[in-house]
Amino acid sequence: MESQKFKPFCSERCRLIDLGAWANEDYAIAGEPAESGRLAEDDTDCR
């Protein structure tokens, strides 16, 4: 279906505007900032 091509957005233009807003840090997910380097330390068990 053409109407679902850009779902959940109405068009490619709206999708790109939203992507740009995230890249520009206009949006953020609420919560405490991640500790620097924490992921790298926790990831050592996966190797």
Protein backbone atom coordinates (compact mmCIF):
# COMPACT_ATOMS: atom_id res chain seq x y z
CA MET A 1 0.00 0.00 0.00
CA GLU A 2 1.28 3.42 -0.92
CA SER A 3 -0.22 5.00 2.23
CA GLN A 4 1.95 2.80 4.45
CA LYS A 5 5.18 3.34 2.53
CA PHE A 6 6.51 5.87 5.06
CA LYS A 7 4.68 4.56 8.10
CA PRO A 8 4.50 5.93 10.77
CA PHE A 9 5.05 9.13 8.78
CA CYS A 10 2.78 10.55 6.11
CA SER A 11 5.61 11.16 3.63
CA GLU A 12 9.35 10.91 3.00
CA ARG A 13 9.64 14.62 3.77
CA CYS A 14 8.10 14.20 7.24
CA ARG A 15 10.32 11.18 7.90
CA LEU A 16 13.44 13.19 7.03
CA ILE A 17 12.33 16.15 9.14
CA ASP A 18 11.91 13.83 12.14
CA LEU A 19 15.27 12.16 11.52
CA GLY A 20 16.93 15.57 11.30
CA ALA A 21 15.36 16.66 14.59
CA TRP A 22 16.80 13.58 16.33
CA ALA A 23 20.22 14.15 14.73
CA ASN A 24 20.10 17.81 15.80
CA GLU A 25 19.28 16.64 19.36
CA ASP A 26 15.96 18.52 19.33
CA TYR A 27 14.45 15.38 20.88
CA ALA A 28 15.78 13.40 23.82
CA ILE A 29 14.69 10.39 25.83
CA ALA A 30 14.12 11.27 29.48
CA GLY A 31 16.43 9.74 32.04
CA GLU A 32 19.83 9.98 33.61
CA PRO A 33 22.76 10.42 31.21
CA ALA A 34 24.74 7.24 30.57
CA GLU A 35 28.10 7.02 32.29
CA SER A 36 31.02 7.44 29.93
CA GLY A 37 32.78 4.14 29.25
CA ARG A 38 30.19 2.08 31.13
CA LEU A 39 29.04 0.22 28.04
CA ALA A 40 32.58 -0.77 27.09
CA GLU A 41 33.19 -2.25 30.58
CA ASP A 42 29.88 -4.14 30.63
CA ASP A 43 30.48 -5.46 27.10
CA THR A 44 33.64 -7.42 27.97
CA ASP A 45 31.64 -10.53 28.93
CA CYS A 46 30.25 -10.75 25.38
CA ARG A 47 33.64 -11.30 23.72
